[in-house]
Amino acid sequence: MKLFCEIVVELLPSLRALVAEELMNEYKLSQQEIAKRLFVTQPAISQYLRNLRGADKRLLNGSANEI
């Protein structure tokens, strides 16, 4: 069984990537606006949207079983 902090470190980037994608596609926010709302930098949002960071979104599907 993993510690809570280990789970968060794995899931948080994937969750941010999904939220950033939703905010850009559905709400037409700029990368800078998304960065302010998620308390991250604009380059981080760019990486999320290009799947360079938080790309393993499938972690979100089965992670509830691990907890």
PDB file of N, CA and C in Angstrom:
ATOM      1  N   MET A   1       0.837  -1.174   0.000  1.00  0.00           N
ATOM      2  CA  MET A   1       0.000   0.000   0.000  1.00  0.00           C
ATOM      3  C   MET A   1       0.889   1.246   0.000  1.00  0.00           C
ATOM      4  N   LYS A   2       0.531   2.201  -0.812  1.00  0.00           N
ATOM      5  CA  LYS A   2       1.307   3.427  -0.923  1.00  0.00           C
ATOM      6  C   LYS A   2       0.853   4.443   0.122  1.00  0.00           C
ATOM      7  N   LEU A   3       1.780   5.296   0.495  1.00  0.00           N
ATOM      8  CA  LEU A   3       1.454   6.404   1.372  1.00  0.00           C
ATOM      9  C   LEU A   3       0.663   7.444   0.592  1.00  0.00           C
ATOM     10  N   PHE A   4      -0.119   8.239   1.311  1.00  0.00           N
ATOM     11  CA  PHE A   4      -0.946   9.259   0.677  1.00  0.00           C
ATOM     12  C   PHE A   4      -0.103  10.226  -0.155  1.00  0.00           C
ATOM     13  N   CYS A   5       1.044  10.639   0.372  1.00  0.00           N
ATOM     14  CA  CYS A   5       1.879  11.603  -0.354  1.00  0.00           C
ATOM     15  C   CYS A   5       2.419  11.006  -1.658  1.00  0.00           C
ATOM     16  N   GLU A   6       2.654   9.703  -1.698  1.00  0.00           N
ATOM     17  CA  GLU A   6       3.114   9.057  -2.924  1.00  0.00           C
ATOM     18  C   GLU A   6       2.010   9.038  -3.970  1.00  0.00           C
ATOM     19  N   ILE A   7       0.799   8.833  -3.532  1.00  0.00           N
ATOM     20  CA  ILE A   7      -0.341   8.809  -4.448  1.00  0.00           C
ATOM     21  C   ILE A   7      -0.579  10.196  -5.024  1.00  0.00           C
ATOM     22  N   VAL A   8      -0.522  11.220  -4.173  1.00  0.00           N
ATOM     23  CA  VAL A   8      -0.750  12.594  -4.622  1.00  0.00           C
ATOM     24  C   VAL A   8       0.302  13.017  -5.642  1.00  0.00           C
ATOM     25  N   VAL A   9       1.548  12.675  -5.401  1.00  0.00           N
ATOM     26  CA  VAL A   9       2.631  13.045  -6.319  1.00  0.00           C
ATOM     27  C   VAL A   9       2.406  12.429  -7.698  1.00  0.00           C
ATOM     28  N   GLU A  10       1.823  11.245  -7.743  1.00  0.00           N
ATOM     29  CA  GLU A  10       1.565  10.592  -9.030  1.00  0.00           C
ATOM     30  C   GLU A  10       0.307  11.143  -9.707  1.00  0.00           C
ATOM     31  N   LEU A  11      -0.714  11.463  -8.929  1.00  0.00           N
ATOM     32  CA  LEU A  11      -2.003  11.847  -9.503  1.00  0.00           C
ATOM     33  C   LEU A  11      -2.152  13.333  -9.798  1.00  0.00           C
ATOM     34  N   LEU A  12      -1.541  14.178  -9.000  1.00  0.00           N
ATOM     35  CA  LEU A  12      -1.749  15.615  -9.147  1.00  0.00           C
ATOM     36  C   LEU A  12      -1.393  16.143 -10.540  1.00  0.00           C
ATOM     37  N   PRO A  13      -0.254  15.778 -11.118  1.00  0.00           N
ATOM     38  CA  PRO A  13       0.033  16.271 -12.471  1.00  0.00           C
ATOM     39  C   PRO A  13      -1.001  15.804 -13.505  1.00  0.00           C
ATOM     40  N   SER A  14      -1.457  14.577 -13.382  1.00  0.00           N
ATOM     41  CA  SER A  14      -2.467  14.070 -14.326  1.00  0.00           C
ATOM     42  C   SER A  14      -3.781  14.810 -14.160  1.00  0.00           C
ATOM     43  N   LEU A  15      -4.147  15.081 -12.928  1.00  0.00           N
ATOM     44  CA  LEU A  15      -5.383  15.815 -12.664  1.00  0.00           C
ATOM     45  C   LEU A  15      -5.287  17.242 -13.180  1.00  0.00           C
ATOM     46  N   ARG A  16      -4.166  17.883 -12.949  1.00  0.00           N
ATOM     47  CA  ARG A  16      -3.973  19.243 -13.473  1.00  0.00           C
ATOM     48  C   ARG A  16      -4.031  19.259 -14.990  1.00  0.00           C
ATOM     49  N   ALA A  17      -3.459  18.253 -15.637  1.00  0.00           N
ATOM     50  CA  ALA A  17      -3.488  18.188 -17.098  1.00  0.00           C
ATOM     51  C   ALA A  17      -4.921  18.091 -17.616  1.00  0.00           C
ATOM     52  N   LEU A  18      -5.732  17.272 -16.961  1.00  0.00           N
ATOM     53  CA  LEU A  18      -7.130  17.142 -17.375  1.00  0.00           C
ATOM     54  C   LEU A  18      -7.904  18.433 -17.170  1.00  0.00           C
ATOM     55  N   VAL A  19      -7.690  19.074 -16.039  1.00  0.00           N
ATOM     56  CA  VAL A  19      -8.388  20.330 -15.744  1.00  0.00           C
ATOM     57  C   VAL A  19      -7.942  21.423 -16.719  1.00  0.00           C
ATOM     58  N   ALA A  20      -6.643  21.507 -16.992  1.00  0.00           N
ATOM     59  CA  ALA A  20      -6.137  22.516 -17.929  1.00  0.00           C
ATOM     60  C   ALA A  20      -6.742  22.316 -19.316  1.00  0.00           C
ATOM     61  N   GLU A  21      -6.808  21.084 -19.742  1.00  0.00           N
ATOM     62  CA  GLU A  21      -7.391  20.781 -21.059  1.00  0.00           C
ATOM     63  C   GLU A  21      -8.867  21.176 -21.100  1.00  0.00           C
ATOM     64  N   GLU A  22      -9.595  20.877 -20.041  1.00  0.00           N
ATOM     65  CA  GLU A  22     -11.022  21.231 -19.969  1.00  0.00           C
ATOM     66  C   GLU A  22     -11.208  22.750 -19.972  1.00  0.00           C
ATOM     67  N   LEU A  23     -10.419  23.463 -19.203  1.00  0.00           N
ATOM     68  CA  LEU A  23     -10.542  24.919 -19.145  1.00  0.00           C
ATOM     69  C   LEU A  23     -10.214  25.565 -20.478  1.00  0.00           C
ATOM     70  N   MET A  24      -9.260  25.010 -21.198  1.00  0.00           N
ATOM     71  CA  MET A  24      -8.899  25.586 -22.493  1.00  0.00           C
ATOM     72  C   MET A  24      -9.963  25.268 -23.547  1.00  0.00           C
ATOM     73  N   ASN A  25     -10.409  24.021 -23.600  1.00  0.00           N
ATOM     74  CA  ASN A  25     -11.343  23.613 -24.652  1.00  0.00           C
ATOM     75  C   ASN A  25     -12.773  24.081 -24.412  1.00  0.00           C
ATOM     76  N   GLU A  26     -13.248  23.953 -23.200  1.00  0.00           N
ATOM     77  CA  GLU A  26     -14.649  24.272 -22.913  1.00  0.00           C
ATOM     78  C   GLU A  26     -14.876  25.748 -22.577  1.00  0.00           C
ATOM     79  N   TYR A  27     -13.926  26.346 -21.865  1.00  0.00           N
ATOM     80  CA  TYR A  27     -14.121  27.712 -21.388  1.00  0.00           C
ATOM     81  C   TYR A  27     -13.266  28.732 -22.121  1.00  0.00           C
ATOM     82  N   LYS A  28     -12.445  28.257 -23.054  1.00  0.00           N
ATOM     83  CA  LYS A  28     -11.630  29.123 -23.920  1.00  0.00           C
ATOM     84  C   LYS A  28     -10.735  30.076 -23.128  1.00  0.00           C
ATOM     85  N   LEU A  29     -10.197  29.597 -22.015  1.00  0.00           N
ATOM     86  CA  LEU A  29      -9.272  30.408 -21.228  1.00  0.00           C
ATOM     87  C   LEU A  29      -7.874  30.327 -21.835  1.00  0.00           C
ATOM     88  N   SER A  30      -7.108  31.373 -21.633  1.00  0.00           N
ATOM     89  CA  SER A  30      -5.721  31.372 -22.099  1.00  0.00           C
ATOM     90  C   SER A  30      -4.864  30.552 -21.134  1.00  0.00           C
ATOM     91  N   GLN A  31      -3.674  30.202 -21.584  1.00  0.00           N
ATOM     92  CA  GLN A  31      -2.764  29.453 -20.727  1.00  0.00           C
ATOM     93  C   GLN A  31      -2.426  30.254 -19.467  1.00  0.00           C
ATOM     94  N   GLN A  32      -2.281  31.550 -19.605  1.00  0.00           N
ATOM     95  CA  GLN A  32      -1.964  32.404 -18.462  1.00  0.00           C
ATOM     96  C   GLN A  32      -3.120  32.413 -17.458  1.00  0.00           C
ATOM     97  N   GLU A  33      -4.355  32.498 -17.941  1.00  0.00           N
ATOM     98  CA  GLU A  33      -5.523  32.481 -17.052  1.00  0.00           C
ATOM     99  C   GLU A  33      -5.646  31.141 -16.329  1.00  0.00           C
ATOM    100  N   ILE A  34      -5.394  30.058 -17.047  1.00  0.00           N
ATOM    101  CA  ILE A  34      -5.445  28.721 -16.449  1.00  0.00           C
ATOM    102  C   ILE A  34      -4.367  28.596 -15.381  1.00  0.00           C
ATOM    103  N   ALA A  35      -3.173  29.094 -15.673  1.00  0.00           N
ATOM    104  CA  ALA A  35      -2.066  29.020 -14.723  1.00  0.00           C
ATOM    105  C   ALA A  35      -2.411  29.742 -13.423  1.00  0.00           C
ATOM    106  N   LYS A  36      -3.029  30.896 -13.532  1.00  0.00           N
ATOM    107  CA  LYS A  36      -3.428  31.638 -12.330  1.00  0.00           C
ATOM    108  C   LYS A  36      -4.443  30.852 -11.505  1.00  0.00           C
ATOM    109  N   ARG A  37      -5.383  30.229 -12.168  1.00  0.00           N
ATOM    110  CA  ARG A  37      -6.435  29.483 -11.458  1.00  0.00           C
ATOM    111  C   ARG A  37      -5.916  28.202 -10.813  1.00  0.00           C
ATOM    112  N   LEU A  38      -4.895  27.595 -11.415  1.00  0.00           N
ATOM    113  CA  LEU A  38      -4.343  26.347 -10.873  1.00  0.00           C
ATOM    114  C   LEU A  38      -3.097  26.582 -10.012  1.00  0.00           C
ATOM    115  N   PHE A  39      -2.704  27.850  -9.864  1.00  0.00           N
ATOM    116  CA  PHE A  39      -1.541  28.212  -9.053  1.00  0.00           C
ATOM    117  C   PHE A  39      -0.260  27.531  -9.537  1.00  0.00           C
ATOM    118  N   VAL A  40      -0.085  27.543 -10.851  1.00  0.00           N
ATOM    119  CA  VAL A  40       1.136  27.033 -11.474  1.00  0.00           C
ATOM    120  C   VAL A  40       1.595  28.066 -12.498  1.00  0.00           C
ATOM    121  N   THR A  41       2.721  27.810 -13.141  1.00  0.00           N
ATOM    122  CA  THR A  41       3.231  28.745 -14.142  1.00  0.00           C
ATOM    123  C   THR A  41       2.620  28.469 -15.518  1.00  0.00           C
ATOM    124  N   GLN A  42       2.699  29.452 -16.388  1.00  0.00           N
ATOM    125  CA  GLN A  42       2.202  29.281 -17.752  1.00  0.00           C
ATOM    126  C   GLN A  42       2.986  28.208 -18.493  1.00  0.00           C
ATOM    127  N   PRO A  43       4.343  28.124 -18.333  1.00  0.00           N
ATOM    128  CA  PRO A  43       5.063  27.028 -19.000  1.00  0.00           C
ATOM    129  C   PRO A  43       4.599  25.642 -18.531  1.00  0.00           C
ATOM    130  N   ALA A  44       4.197  25.521 -17.280  1.00  0.00           N
ATOM    131  CA  ALA A  44       3.684  24.235 -16.791  1.00  0.00           C
ATOM    132  C   ALA A  44       2.390  23.879 -17.527  1.00  0.00           C
ATOM    133  N   ILE A  45       1.526  24.860 -17.725  1.00  0.00           N
ATOM    134  CA  ILE A  45       0.268  24.619 -18.454  1.00  0.00           C
ATOM    135  C   ILE A  45       0.579  24.199 -19.885  1.00  0.00           C
ATOM    136  N   SER A  46       1.547  24.849 -20.512  1.00  0.00           N
ATOM    137  CA  SER A  46       1.942  24.477 -21.864  1.00  0.00           C
ATOM    138  C   SER A  46       2.392  23.022 -21.915  1.00  0.00           C
ATOM    139  N   GLN A  47       3.150  22.596 -20.926  1.00  0.00           N
ATOM    140  CA  GLN A  47       3.609  21.209 -20.883  1.00  0.00           C
ATOM    141  C   GLN A  47       2.448  20.249 -20.645  1.00  0.00           C
ATOM    142  N   TYR A  48       1.505  20.629 -19.793  1.00  0.00           N
ATOM    143  CA  TYR A  48       0.329  19.778 -19.579  1.00  0.00           C
ATOM    144  C   TYR A  48      -0.441  19.593 -20.884  1.00  0.00           C
ATOM    145  N   LEU A  49      -0.625  20.678 -21.612  1.00  0.00           N
ATOM    146  CA  LEU A  49      -1.419  20.615 -22.838  1.00  0.00           C
ATOM    147  C   LEU A  49      -0.713  19.872 -23.971  1.00  0.00           C
ATOM    148  N   ARG A  50       0.626  19.820 -23.934  1.00  0.00           N
ATOM    149  CA  ARG A  50       1.386  19.089 -24.950  1.00  0.00           C
ATOM    150  C   ARG A  50       1.738  17.677 -24.487  1.00  0.00           C
ATOM    151  N   ASN A  51       1.155  17.251 -23.377  1.00  0.00           N
ATOM    152  CA  ASN A  51       1.386  15.914 -22.806  1.00  0.00           C
ATOM    153  C   ASN A  51       2.853  15.649 -22.480  1.00  0.00           C
ATOM    154  N   LEU A  52       3.584  16.683 -22.098  1.00  0.00           N
ATOM    155  CA  LEU A  52       4.959  16.520 -21.654  1.00  0.00           C
ATOM    156  C   LEU A  52       5.021  16.373 -20.135  1.00  0.00           C
ATOM    157  N   ARG A  53       3.953  16.748 -19.479  1.00  0.00           N
ATOM    158  CA  ARG A  53       3.852  16.646 -18.022  1.00  0.00           C
ATOM    159  C   ARG A  53       2.430  16.164 -17.708  1.00  0.00           C
ATOM    160  N   GLY A  54       2.313  15.235 -16.783  1.00  0.00           N
ATOM    161  CA  GLY A  54       0.992  14.730 -16.414  1.00  0.00           C
ATOM    162  C   GLY A  54       0.328  13.936 -17.520  1.00  0.00           C
ATOM    163  N   ALA A  55       1.121  13.315 -18.370  1.00  0.00           N
ATOM    164  CA  ALA A  55       0.577  12.633 -19.540  1.00  0.00           C
ATOM    165  C   ALA A  55      -0.082  11.298 -19.208  1.00  0.00           C
ATOM    166  N   ASP A  56       0.237  10.734 -18.057  1.00  0.00           N
ATOM    167  CA  ASP A  56      -0.302   9.415 -17.721  1.00  0.00           C
ATOM    168  C   ASP A  56      -1.673   9.544 -17.060  1.00  0.00           C
ATOM    169  N   LYS A  57      -2.653   9.983 -17.829  1.00  0.00           N
ATOM    170  CA  LYS A  57      -3.996  10.227 -17.309  1.00  0.00           C
ATOM    171  C   LYS A  57      -4.729   8.941 -16.948  1.00  0.00           C
ATOM    172  N   ARG A  58      -4.238   7.826 -17.423  1.00  0.00           N
ATOM    173  CA  ARG A  58      -4.891   6.556 -17.091  1.00  0.00           C
ATOM    174  C   ARG A  58      -4.692   6.208 -15.623  1.00  0.00           C
ATOM    175  N   LEU A  59      -3.754   6.878 -14.960  1.00  0.00           N
ATOM    176  CA  LEU A  59      -3.576   6.680 -13.514  1.00  0.00           C
ATOM    177  C   LEU A  59      -4.859   7.016 -12.762  1.00  0.00           C
ATOM    178  N   LEU A  60      -5.613   7.948 -13.296  1.00  0.00           N
ATOM    179  CA  LEU A  60      -6.836   8.380 -12.618  1.00  0.00           C
ATOM    180  C   LEU A  60      -7.929   7.313 -12.660  1.00  0.00           C
ATOM    181  N   ASN A  61      -7.868   6.409 -13.611  1.00  0.00           N
ATOM    182  CA  ASN A  61      -8.908   5.401 -13.751  1.00  0.00           C
ATOM    183  C   ASN A  61      -8.863   4.344 -12.642  1.00  0.00           C
ATOM    184  N   GLY A  62      -7.706   3.814 -12.334  1.00  0.00           N
ATOM    185  CA  GLY A  62      -7.629   2.719 -11.378  1.00  0.00           C
ATOM    186  C   GLY A  62      -7.073   3.074 -10.026  1.00  0.00           C
ATOM    187  N   SER A  63      -6.811   4.331  -9.793  1.00  0.00           N
ATOM    188  CA  SER A  63      -6.138   4.712  -8.549  1.00  0.00           C
ATOM    189  C   SER A  63      -7.021   4.575  -7.322  1.00  0.00           C
ATOM    190  N   ALA A  64      -8.308   4.631  -7.454  1.00  0.00           N
ATOM    191  CA  ALA A  64      -9.181   4.494  -6.289  1.00  0.00           C
ATOM    192  C   ALA A  64      -9.037   3.120  -5.656  1.00  0.00           C
ATOM    193  N   ASN A  65      -8.741   2.111  -6.446  1.00  0.00           N
ATOM    194  CA  ASN A  65      -8.548   0.773  -5.918  1.00  0.00           C
ATOM    195  C   ASN A  65      -7.277   0.672  -5.074  1.00  0.00           C
ATOM    196  N   GLU A  66      -6.259   1.469  -5.439  1.00  0.00           N
ATOM    197  CA  GLU A  66      -5.000   1.463  -4.691  1.00  0.00           C
ATOM    198  C   GLU A  66      -5.144   2.074  -3.316  1.00  0.00           C
ATOM    199  N   ILE A  67      -5.976   3.074  -3.222  1.00  0.00           N
ATOM    200  CA  ILE A  67      -6.131   3.797  -1.957  1.00  0.00           C
ATOM    201  C   ILE A  67      -6.854   2.897  -0.989  1.00  0.00           C
TER     202      ILE A  67
END
